[in-house]
C-alpha atoms as a PDB file:
ATOM      1  CA  UNK A   1     -41.279  58.785  10.661  1.00  0.00           C
ATOM      2  CA  UNK A   2     -41.170  60.751   7.415  1.00  0.00           C
ATOM      3  CA  UNK A   3     -39.389  64.090   7.200  1.00  0.00           C
ATOM      4  CA  UNK A   4     -40.672  64.890   3.711  1.00  0.00           C
ATOM      5  CA  UNK A   5     -41.367  63.167   0.378  1.00  0.00           C
ATOM      6  CA  UNK A   6     -43.913  62.289  -2.243  1.00  0.00           C
ATOM      7  CA  UNK A   7     -45.539  59.453  -4.188  1.00  0.00           C
ATOM      8  CA  UNK A   8     -46.792  59.650  -7.791  1.00  0.00           C
ATOM      9  CA  UNK A   9     -48.818  57.222  -9.904  1.00  0.00           C
ATOM     10  CA  UNK A  10     -49.537  57.039 -13.629  1.00  0.00           C
ATOM     11  CA  UNK A  11     -53.047  55.623 -13.430  1.00  0.00           C
ATOM     12  CA  UNK A  12     -54.479  52.225 -12.634  1.00  0.00           C
ATOM     13  CA  UNK A  13     -53.651  49.819 -15.421  1.00  0.00           C
ATOM     14  CA  UNK A  14     -50.604  51.780 -16.594  1.00  0.00           C
ATOM     15  CA  UNK A  15     -47.696  49.426 -17.382  1.00  0.00           C
ATOM     16  CA  UNK A  16     -44.703  49.324 -15.099  1.00  0.00           C
ATOM     17  CA  UNK A  17     -42.358  50.633 -17.784  1.00  0.00           C
ATOM     18  CA  UNK A  18     -44.072  54.019 -17.513  1.00  0.00           C
ATOM     19  CA  UNK A  19     -42.715  54.328 -13.984  1.00  0.00           C
ATOM     20  CA  UNK A  20     -39.797  56.220 -15.482  1.00  0.00           C
ATOM     21  CA  UNK A  21     -42.188  59.122 -16.056  1.00  0.00           C
ATOM     22  CA  UNK A  22     -43.334  58.962 -12.455  1.00  0.00           C
ATOM     23  CA  UNK A  23     -39.701  58.877 -11.350  1.00  0.00           C
ATOM     24  CA  UNK A  24     -38.812  61.995 -13.368  1.00  0.00           C
ATOM     25  CA  UNK A  25     -41.801  63.828 -11.906  1.00  0.00           C
ATOM     26  CA  UNK A  26     -40.876  62.763  -8.371  1.00  0.00           C
ATOM     27  CA  UNK A  27     -37.235  63.760  -8.766  1.00  0.00           C
ATOM     28  CA  UNK A  28     -38.144  67.307  -9.817  1.00  0.00           C
ATOM     29  CA  UNK A  29     -40.704  67.717  -7.041  1.00  0.00           C
ATOM     30  CA  UNK A  30     -38.411  66.142  -4.431  1.00  0.00           C
ATOM     31  CA  UNK A  31     -35.783  68.788  -5.164  1.00  0.00           C
ATOM     32  CA  UNK A  32     -38.420  71.408  -4.429  1.00  0.00           C
ATOM     33  CA  UNK A  33     -39.209  69.774  -1.089  1.00  0.00           C
ATOM     34  CA  UNK A  34     -35.502  69.559  -0.258  1.00  0.00           C
ATOM     35  CA  UNK A  35     -35.263  73.298  -0.894  1.00  0.00           C
ATOM     36  CA  UNK A  36     -38.090  73.976   1.556  1.00  0.00           C
ATOM     37  CA  UNK A  37     -40.917  74.496  -0.947  1.00  0.00           C
ATOM     38  CA  UNK A  38     -44.398  73.593   0.237  1.00  0.00           C
ATOM     39  CA  UNK A  39     -46.127  70.315  -0.511  1.00  0.00           C
ATOM     40  CA  UNK A  40     -48.831  71.858  -2.694  1.00  0.00           C
ATOM     41  CA  UNK A  41     -46.396  73.415  -5.149  1.00  0.00           C
ATOM     42  CA  UNK A  42     -44.315  70.230  -5.240  1.00  0.00           C
ATOM     43  CA  UNK A  43     -47.350  68.022  -5.895  1.00  0.00           C
ATOM     44  CA  UNK A  44     -48.569  70.373  -8.622  1.00  0.00           C
ATOM     45  CA  UNK A  45     -45.160  70.369 -10.315  1.00  0.00           C
ATOM     46  CA  UNK A  46     -45.009  66.579 -10.334  1.00  0.00           C
ATOM     47  CA  UNK A  47     -48.533  66.411 -11.768  1.00  0.00           C
ATOM     48  CA  UNK A  48     -47.630  69.002 -14.411  1.00  0.00           C
ATOM     49  CA  UNK A  49     -44.712  66.889 -15.577  1.00  0.00           C
ATOM     50  CA  UNK A  50     -46.954  63.837 -15.838  1.00  0.00           C
ATOM     51  CA  UNK A  51     -49.453  65.910 -17.875  1.00  0.00           C
ATOM     52  CA  UNK A  52     -46.624  66.910 -20.224  1.00  0.00           C
ATOM     53  CA  UNK A  53     -45.366  63.349 -20.653  1.00  0.00           C
ATOM     54  CA  UNK A  54     -47.979  62.388 -23.247  1.00  0.00           C
ATOM     55  CA  UNK A  55     -48.019  58.705 -22.285  1.00  0.00           C
ATOM     56  CA  UNK A  56     -50.413  59.234 -19.403  1.00  0.00           C
ATOM     57  CA  UNK A  57     -54.115  60.007 -19.635  1.00  0.00           C
ATOM     58  CA  UNK A  58     -53.811  63.605 -18.481  1.00  0.00           C
ATOM     59  CA  UNK A  59     -52.849  66.880 -20.137  1.00  0.00           C
ATOM     60  CA  UNK A  60     -51.185  66.134 -23.493  1.00  0.00           C
ATOM     61  CA  UNK A  61     -52.090  62.450 -23.284  1.00  0.00           C
ATOM     62  CA  UNK A  62     -55.821  62.953 -22.678  1.00  0.00           C
ATOM     63  CA  UNK A  63     -58.210  60.633 -24.493  1.00  0.00           C
ATOM     64  CA  UNK A  64     -60.948  61.543 -26.934  1.00  0.00           C
ATOM     65  CA  UNK A  65     -64.574  61.557 -25.894  1.00  0.00           C
ATOM     66  CA  UNK A  66     -67.038  59.204 -27.557  1.00  0.00           C
ATOM     67  CA  UNK A  67     -67.627  61.699 -30.383  1.00  0.00           C
ATOM     68  CA  UNK A  68     -64.063  61.058 -31.551  1.00  0.00           C
ATOM     69  CA  UNK A  69     -63.002  64.713 -31.513  1.00  0.00           C
ATOM     70  CA  UNK A  70     -63.557  66.306 -28.094  1.00  0.00           C
ATOM     71  CA  UNK A  71     -61.041  66.414 -25.254  1.00  0.00           C
ATOM     72  CA  UNK A  72     -62.274  67.505 -21.817  1.00  0.00           C
ATOM     73  CA  UNK A  73     -60.048  67.337 -18.754  1.00  0.00           C
ATOM     74  CA  UNK A  74     -60.451  67.524 -14.979  1.00  0.00           C
ATOM     75  CA  UNK A  75     -57.888  68.365 -12.296  1.00  0.00           C
ATOM     76  CA  UNK A  76     -57.865  69.062  -8.581  1.00  0.00           C
ATOM     77  CA  UNK A  77     -55.467  70.150  -5.851  1.00  0.00           C
ATOM     78  CA  UNK A  78     -55.848  70.250  -2.072  1.00  0.00           C
ATOM     79  CA  UNK A  79     -53.600  70.686   0.949  1.00  0.00           C
ATOM     80  CA  UNK A  80     -53.930  70.129   4.679  1.00  0.00           C
ATOM     81  CA  UNK A  81     -54.837  73.794   5.203  1.00  0.00           C
ATOM     82  CA  UNK A  82     -58.000  73.130   3.140  1.00  0.00           C
ATOM     83  CA  UNK A  83     -56.777  75.111   0.162  1.00  0.00           C
ATOM     84  CA  UNK A  84     -58.710  73.542  -2.713  1.00  0.00           C
ATOM     85  CA  UNK A  85     -58.792  74.240  -6.444  1.00  0.00           C
ATOM     86  CA  UNK A  86     -60.733  72.293  -9.062  1.00  0.00           C
ATOM     87  CA  UNK A  87     -61.332  72.515 -12.813  1.00  0.00           C
ATOM     88  CA  UNK A  88     -63.939  70.393 -14.562  1.00  0.00           C
ATOM     89  CA  UNK A  89     -64.395  69.651 -18.277  1.00  0.00           C
ATOM     90  CA  UNK A  90     -61.783  72.211 -19.273  1.00  0.00           C
ATOM     91  CA  UNK A  91     -60.659  72.201 -22.911  1.00  0.00           C
ATOM     92  CA  UNK A  92     -57.741  73.562 -24.921  1.00  0.00           C
ATOM     93  CA  UNK A  93     -55.216  74.036 -22.122  1.00  0.00           C
ATOM     94  CA  UNK A  94     -51.917  72.225 -21.735  1.00  0.00           C
ATOM     95  CA  UNK A  95     -51.882  71.828 -17.958  1.00  0.00           C
ATOM     96  CA  UNK A  96     -55.251  71.638 -16.193  1.00  0.00           C
ATOM     97  CA  UNK A  97     -53.500  71.127 -12.844  1.00  0.00           C
ATOM     98  CA  UNK A  98     -51.936  74.605 -13.101  1.00  0.00           C
ATOM     99  CA  UNK A  99     -55.370  76.117 -13.643  1.00  0.00           C
ATOM    100  CA  UNK A 100     -56.719  74.190 -10.642  1.00  0.00           C
ATOM    101  CA  UNK A 101     -53.822  75.547  -8.575  1.00  0.00           C
ATOM    102  CA  UNK A 102     -54.655  79.080  -9.696  1.00  0.00           C
ATOM    103  CA  UNK A 103     -58.308  78.687  -8.654  1.00  0.00           C
ATOM    104  CA  UNK A 104     -57.072  78.735  -5.047  1.00  0.00           C
ATOM    105  CA  UNK A 105     -56.296  82.418  -5.521  1.00  0.00           C
ATOM    106  CA  UNK A 106     -59.947  83.206  -6.280  1.00  0.00           C
ATOM    107  CA  UNK A 107     -63.012  83.254  -3.992  1.00  0.00           C
ATOM    108  CA  UNK A 108     -64.094  79.992  -5.646  1.00  0.00           C
ATOM    109  CA  UNK A 109     -63.277  76.307  -5.233  1.00  0.00           C
ATOM    110  CA  UNK A 110     -64.245  74.954  -8.657  1.00  0.00           C
ATOM    111  CA  UNK A 111     -64.576  76.277 -12.193  1.00  0.00           C
ATOM    112  CA  UNK A 112     -66.009  74.344 -15.143  1.00  0.00           C
ATOM    113  CA  UNK A 113     -66.141  74.359 -18.915  1.00  0.00           C
ATOM    114  CA  UNK A 114     -66.011  77.680 -20.704  1.00  0.00           C
ATOM    115  CA  UNK A 115     -65.675  79.588 -17.447  1.00  0.00           C
ATOM    116  CA  UNK A 116     -62.564  77.606 -16.545  1.00  0.00           C
ATOM    117  CA  UNK A 117     -61.126  78.206 -20.014  1.00  0.00           C
ATOM    118  CA  UNK A 118     -61.822  81.947 -19.815  1.00  0.00           C
ATOM    119  CA  UNK A 119     -60.113  82.009 -16.419  1.00  0.00           C
ATOM    120  CA  UNK A 120     -57.084  80.256 -17.906  1.00  0.00           C
ATOM    121  CA  UNK A 121     -56.875  82.746 -20.774  1.00  0.00           C
ATOM    122  CA  UNK A 122     -57.071  85.626 -18.316  1.00  0.00           C
ATOM    123  CA  UNK A 123     -54.047  84.198 -16.529  1.00  0.00           C
ATOM    124  CA  UNK A 124     -52.094  84.066 -19.766  1.00  0.00           C
ATOM    125  CA  UNK A 125     -52.453  80.360 -20.494  1.00  0.00           C
ATOM    126  CA  UNK A 126     -52.863  80.328 -24.259  1.00  0.00           C
ATOM    127  CA  UNK A 127     -54.855  77.817 -26.326  1.00  0.00           C
ATOM    128  CA  UNK A 128     -53.255  74.380 -26.636  1.00  0.00           C
ATOM    129  CA  UNK A 129     -54.227  71.798 -29.233  1.00  0.00           C
ATOM    130  CA  UNK A 130     -51.238  69.419 -29.449  1.00  0.00           C
ATOM    131  CA  UNK A 131     -52.910  66.541 -27.632  1.00  0.00           C
ATOM    132  CA  UNK A 132     -52.082  62.901 -28.243  1.00  0.00           C
ATOM    133  CA  UNK A 133     -55.802  62.398 -28.831  1.00  0.00           C
ATOM    134  CA  UNK A 134     -55.861  58.690 -28.079  1.00  0.00           C
ATOM    135  CA  UNK A 135     -59.056  56.868 -28.988  1.00  0.00           C
ATOM    136  CA  UNK A 136     -61.014  54.684 -26.599  1.00  0.00           C
ATOM    137  CA  UNK A 137     -59.376  51.603 -28.169  1.00  0.00           C
ATOM    138  CA  UNK A 138     -55.850  53.018 -27.842  1.00  0.00           C
ATOM    139  CA  UNK A 139     -56.543  54.048 -24.263  1.00  0.00           C
ATOM    140  CA  UNK A 140     -57.747  50.548 -23.439  1.00  0.00           C
ATOM    141  CA  UNK A 141     -54.511  49.119 -24.855  1.00  0.00           C
ATOM    142  CA  UNK A 142     -52.286  51.284 -22.645  1.00  0.00           C
ATOM    143  CA  UNK A 143     -54.609  51.054 -19.653  1.00  0.00           C
ATOM    144  CA  UNK A 144     -53.621  54.498 -18.447  1.00  0.00           C
ATOM    145  CA  UNK A 145     -56.013  56.387 -16.204  1.00  0.00           C
ATOM    146  CA  UNK A 146     -55.971  59.392 -13.858  1.00  0.00           C
ATOM    147  CA  UNK A 147     -52.543  60.543 -12.614  1.00  0.00           C
ATOM    148  CA  UNK A 148     -52.047  61.548  -8.996  1.00  0.00           C
ATOM    149  CA  UNK A 149     -49.434  62.818  -6.549  1.00  0.00           C
ATOM    150  CA  UNK A 150     -49.377  63.014  -2.741  1.00  0.00           C
ATOM    151  CA  UNK A 151     -46.708  64.944  -0.839  1.00  0.00           C
ATOM    152  CA  UNK A 152     -45.461  65.931   2.616  1.00  0.00           C
ATOM    153  CA  UNK A 153     -43.157  68.938   3.082  1.00  0.00           C
ATOM    154  CA  UNK A 154     -40.607  69.819   5.767  1.00  0.00           C
ATOM    155  CA  UNK A 155     -43.125  71.995   7.597  1.00  0.00           C
ATOM    156  CA  UNK A 156     -45.474  69.030   7.989  1.00  0.00           C
ATOM    157  CA  UNK A 157     -48.063  70.084   5.396  1.00  0.00           C
ATOM    158  CA  UNK A 158     -49.698  67.501   3.133  1.00  0.00           C
ATOM    159  CA  UNK A 159     -51.009  67.995  -0.404  1.00  0.00           C
ATOM    160  CA  UNK A 160     -52.532  66.077  -3.290  1.00  0.00           C
ATOM    161  CA  UNK A 161     -52.806  66.832  -7.003  1.00  0.00           C
ATOM    162  CA  UNK A 162     -54.801  64.827  -9.545  1.00  0.00           C
ATOM    163  CA  UNK A 163     -55.440  65.198 -13.269  1.00  0.00           C
ATOM    164  CA  UNK A 164     -57.250  63.189 -15.929  1.00  0.00           C
ATOM    165  CA  UNK A 165     -58.264  63.136 -19.540  1.00  0.00           C
ATOM    166  CA  UNK A 166     -61.271  61.020 -18.579  1.00  0.00           C
ATOM    167  CA  UNK A 167     -62.352  57.415 -18.970  1.00  0.00           C
ATOM    168  CA  UNK A 168     -63.156  55.626 -22.214  1.00  0.00           C
ATOM    169  CA  UNK A 169     -65.646  55.472 -23.738  1.00  0.00           C
ATOM    170  CA  UNK A 170     -67.340  58.531 -22.267  1.00  0.00           C
ATOM    171  CA  UNK A 171     -69.965  61.038 -23.290  1.00  0.00           C
ATOM    172  CA  UNK A 172     -69.101  64.684 -23.821  1.00  0.00           C
ATOM    173  CA  UNK A 173     -69.684  66.355 -20.458  1.00  0.00           C
ATOM    174  CA  UNK A 174     -69.034  63.250 -18.370  1.00  0.00           C
ATOM    175  CA  UNK A 175     -67.290  63.906 -15.031  1.00  0.00           C
ATOM    176  CA  UNK A 176     -65.547  61.257 -12.980  1.00  0.00           C
ATOM    177  CA  UNK A 177     -64.089  61.204  -9.489  1.00  0.00           C
ATOM    178  CA  UNK A 178     -60.854  63.114 -10.179  1.00  0.00           C
ATOM    179  CA  UNK A 179     -62.265  66.588  -9.394  1.00  0.00           C
ATOM    180  CA  UNK A 180     -64.555  65.415  -6.585  1.00  0.00           C
ATOM    181  CA  UNK A 181     -63.193  65.913  -3.071  1.00  0.00           C
ATOM    182  CA  UNK A 182     -63.351  62.764  -0.974  1.00  0.00           C
ATOM    183  CA  UNK A 183     -63.744  60.587  -4.058  1.00  0.00           C
ATOM    184  CA  UNK A 184     -60.636  61.050  -6.200  1.00  0.00           C
ATOM    185  CA  UNK A 185     -58.594  63.102  -3.763  1.00  0.00           C
ATOM    186  CA  UNK A 186     -58.329  64.272  -0.165  1.00  0.00           C
ATOM    187  CA  UNK A 187     -55.736  65.913   2.076  1.00  0.00           C
ATOM    188  CA  UNK A 188     -55.832  66.921   5.720  1.00  0.00           C
ATOM    189  CA  UNK A 189     -53.588  67.413   8.748  1.00  0.00           C
ATOM    190  CA  UNK A 190     -52.872  63.669   8.975  1.00  0.00           C
ATOM    191  CA  UNK A 191     -52.159  62.754   5.351  1.00  0.00           C
ATOM    192  CA  UNK A 192     -53.021  62.887   1.662  1.00  0.00           C
ATOM    193  CA  UNK A 193     -54.727  60.364  -0.624  1.00  0.00           C
ATOM    194  CA  UNK A 194     -55.181  60.030  -4.405  1.00  0.00           C
ATOM    195  CA  UNK A 195     -57.444  57.481  -6.097  1.00  0.00           C
ATOM    196  CA  UNK A 196     -57.494  56.162  -9.666  1.00  0.00           C
ATOM    197  CA  UNK A 197     -59.910  53.832 -11.409  1.00  0.00           C
ATOM    198  CA  UNK A 198     -63.560  53.660 -12.406  1.00  0.00           C
ATOM    199  CA  UNK A 199     -64.825  57.124 -11.522  1.00  0.00           C
ATOM    200  CA  UNK A 200     -68.485  56.266 -11.244  1.00  0.00           C
ATOM    201  CA  UNK A 201     -67.764  53.609  -8.636  1.00  0.00           C
ATOM    202  CA  UNK A 202     -65.375  55.900  -6.790  1.00  0.00           C
ATOM    203  CA  UNK A 203     -67.993  58.637  -6.581  1.00  0.00           C
ATOM    204  CA  UNK A 204     -70.406  56.178  -4.990  1.00  0.00           C
ATOM    205  CA  UNK A 205     -67.871  54.958  -2.404  1.00  0.00           C
ATOM    206  CA  UNK A 206     -65.832  58.117  -1.594  1.00  0.00           C
ATOM    207  CA  UNK A 207     -62.610  56.095  -1.079  1.00  0.00           C
ATOM    208  CA  UNK A 208     -60.214  59.045  -0.701  1.00  0.00           C
ATOM    209  CA  UNK A 209     -61.975  60.389   2.384  1.00  0.00           C
ATOM    210  CA  UNK A 210     -62.515  56.876   3.736  1.00  0.00           C
ATOM    211  CA  UNK A 211     -58.803  56.061   3.465  1.00  0.00           C
ATOM    212  CA  UNK A 212     -57.864  59.432   4.957  1.00  0.00           C
ATOM    213  CA  UNK A 213     -60.161  58.870   7.941  1.00  0.00           C
ATOM    214  CA  UNK A 214     -58.511  55.509   8.601  1.00  0.00           C
ATOM    215  CA  UNK A 215     -55.074  57.147   8.510  1.00  0.00           C
ATOM    216  CA  UNK A 216     -56.363  59.860  10.863  1.00  0.00           C
ATOM    217  CA  UNK A 217     -57.400  57.043  13.210  1.00  0.00           C
ATOM    218  CA  UNK A 218     -53.742  55.906  13.281  1.00  0.00           C
ATOM    219  CA  UNK A 219     -54.069  53.056  10.810  1.00  0.00           C
ATOM    220  CA  UNK A 220     -50.997  52.423   8.640  1.00  0.00           C
ATOM    221  CA  UNK A 221     -51.242  53.953   5.178  1.00  0.00           C
ATOM    222  CA  UNK A 222     -50.694  50.554   3.560  1.00  0.00           C
ATOM    223  CA  UNK A 223     -53.484  48.946   5.550  1.00  0.00           C
ATOM    224  CA  UNK A 224     -55.795  51.906   4.920  1.00  0.00           C
ATOM    225  CA  UNK A 225     -55.200  51.754   1.165  1.00  0.00           C
ATOM    226  CA  UNK A 226     -55.848  48.011   1.074  1.00  0.00           C
ATOM    227  CA  UNK A 227     -59.073  48.535   3.022  1.00  0.00           C
ATOM    228  CA  UNK A 228     -59.952  51.258   0.533  1.00  0.00           C
ATOM    229  CA  UNK A 229     -59.685  48.776  -2.323  1.00  0.00           C
ATOM    230  CA  UNK A 230     -61.996  46.451  -0.405  1.00  0.00           C
ATOM    231  CA  UNK A 231     -64.778  49.018  -0.811  1.00  0.00           C
ATOM    232  CA  UNK A 232     -65.109  47.861  -4.415  1.00  0.00           C
ATOM    233  CA  UNK A 233     -66.249  44.621  -6.002  1.00  0.00           C
ATOM    234  CA  UNK A 234     -63.389  42.334  -6.988  1.00  0.00           C
ATOM    235  CA  UNK A 235     -63.717  43.067 -10.700  1.00  0.00           C
ATOM    236  CA  UNK A 236     -63.425  46.853 -10.344  1.00  0.00           C
ATOM    237  CA  UNK A 237     -59.945  48.098 -11.256  1.00  0.00           C
ATOM    238  CA  UNK A 238     -58.837  50.659  -8.685  1.00  0.00           C
ATOM    239  CA  UNK A 239     -55.601  52.067  -7.324  1.00  0.00           C
ATOM    240  CA  UNK A 240     -54.822  54.237  -4.285  1.00  0.00           C
ATOM    241  CA  UNK A 241     -51.713  56.052  -3.069  1.00  0.00           C
ATOM    242  CA  UNK A 242     -51.328  57.742   0.310  1.00  0.00           C
ATOM    243  CA  UNK A 243     -48.783  59.405   2.552  1.00  0.00           C
ATOM    244  CA  UNK A 244     -48.885  60.087   6.282  1.00  0.00           C
ATOM    245  CA  UNK A 245     -46.344  61.253   8.849  1.00  0.00           C
ATOM    246  CA  UNK A 246     -45.316  57.676   9.567  1.00  0.00           C
ATOM    247  CA  UNK A 247     -45.481  55.871   6.204  1.00  0.00           C
ATOM    248  CA  UNK A 248     -46.665  55.820   2.606  1.00  0.00           C
ATOM    249  CA  UNK A 249     -48.373  53.263   0.396  1.00  0.00           C
ATOM    250  CA  UNK A 250     -49.243  52.228  -3.146  1.00  0.00           C
ATOM    251  CA  UNK A 251     -52.083  49.744  -3.609  1.00  0.00           C
ATOM    252  CA  UNK A 252     -53.639  48.573  -6.881  1.00  0.00           C
ATOM    253  CA  UNK A 253     -55.526  45.580  -8.218  1.00  0.00           C
ATOM    254  CA  UNK A 254     -53.706  45.653 -11.551  1.00  0.00           C
ATOM    255  CA  UNK A 255     -50.426  47.112 -12.763  1.00  0.00           C
ATOM    256  CA  UNK A 256     -49.948  50.795 -11.973  1.00  0.00           C
ATOM    257  CA  UNK A 257     -46.860  52.820 -12.826  1.00  0.00           C
ATOM    258  CA  UNK A 258     -45.657  54.678  -9.749  1.00  0.00           C
ATOM    259  CA  UNK A 259     -42.640  56.061  -7.931  1.00  0.00           C
ATOM    260  CA  UNK A 260     -41.900  57.303  -4.435  1.00  0.00           C
ATOM    261  CA  UNK A 261     -39.135  59.445  -2.953  1.00  0.00           C
ATOM    262  CA  UNK A 262     -39.129  59.670   0.827  1.00  0.00           C
ATOM    263  CA  UNK A 263     -36.697  61.245   3.282  1.00  0.00           C
ATOM    264  CA  UNK A 264     -37.039  59.695   6.723  1.00  0.00           C
ATOM    265  CA  UNK A 265     -36.335  61.521   9.951  1.00  0.00           C
ATOM    266  CA  UNK A 266     -33.076  60.715  11.683  1.00  0.00           C
ATOM    267  CA  UNK A 267     -33.794  59.417  15.145  1.00  0.00           C
END
């Protein structure tokens, strides 16, 4: 059984050498969990660090849209108490996941576009323009996709945080699975799940909720994640991470940078 811990990934297709970024994010968030902080804040902090890294397709590392100049980002957070915050197509902020976390403090679940940006400015998050601005070609070379984190705290609460700079190539205004509950992310009383890969296919299959439901039915997280990958045709590049009270898992069809830090209960 797991006492507390977390798992982070750097996006399906991300090379293994980027796991050092996932490790740094996990180490910082794990210290929070050790100190008794809740899973949501720990997951958000790990995701924030991955956004700041610049090598991942989230936050500073977000890719350009097909017009070659626009950056639009999505992020989402959720915990097992059904606290949910989502931002969609937000521009000119450094850490979309922090804005998604702040949405939880409003009467809303999701904010998009200019409204999300205005909300961020009202919170004191100033304009940010120092993005890596990778092109579709550069993004394809690194393979990086959505980042995600799942966590369990000492009190037994689960959480997930996801963030993305989008797919490539993509139209301005395109939205993938990252901010869609049940598709790119899901958390409940029995676990937390984060999905990375082709967003359009993920939206059609709702893998995050499917994997969560299998975990809730007492299936091992590893088996549930593998079954989640089976929802997609063999050529579709997808990755899934999950954590439950009994185990955790990382499953991907191609390379995917990741790291896990887990404290098991002493019997």
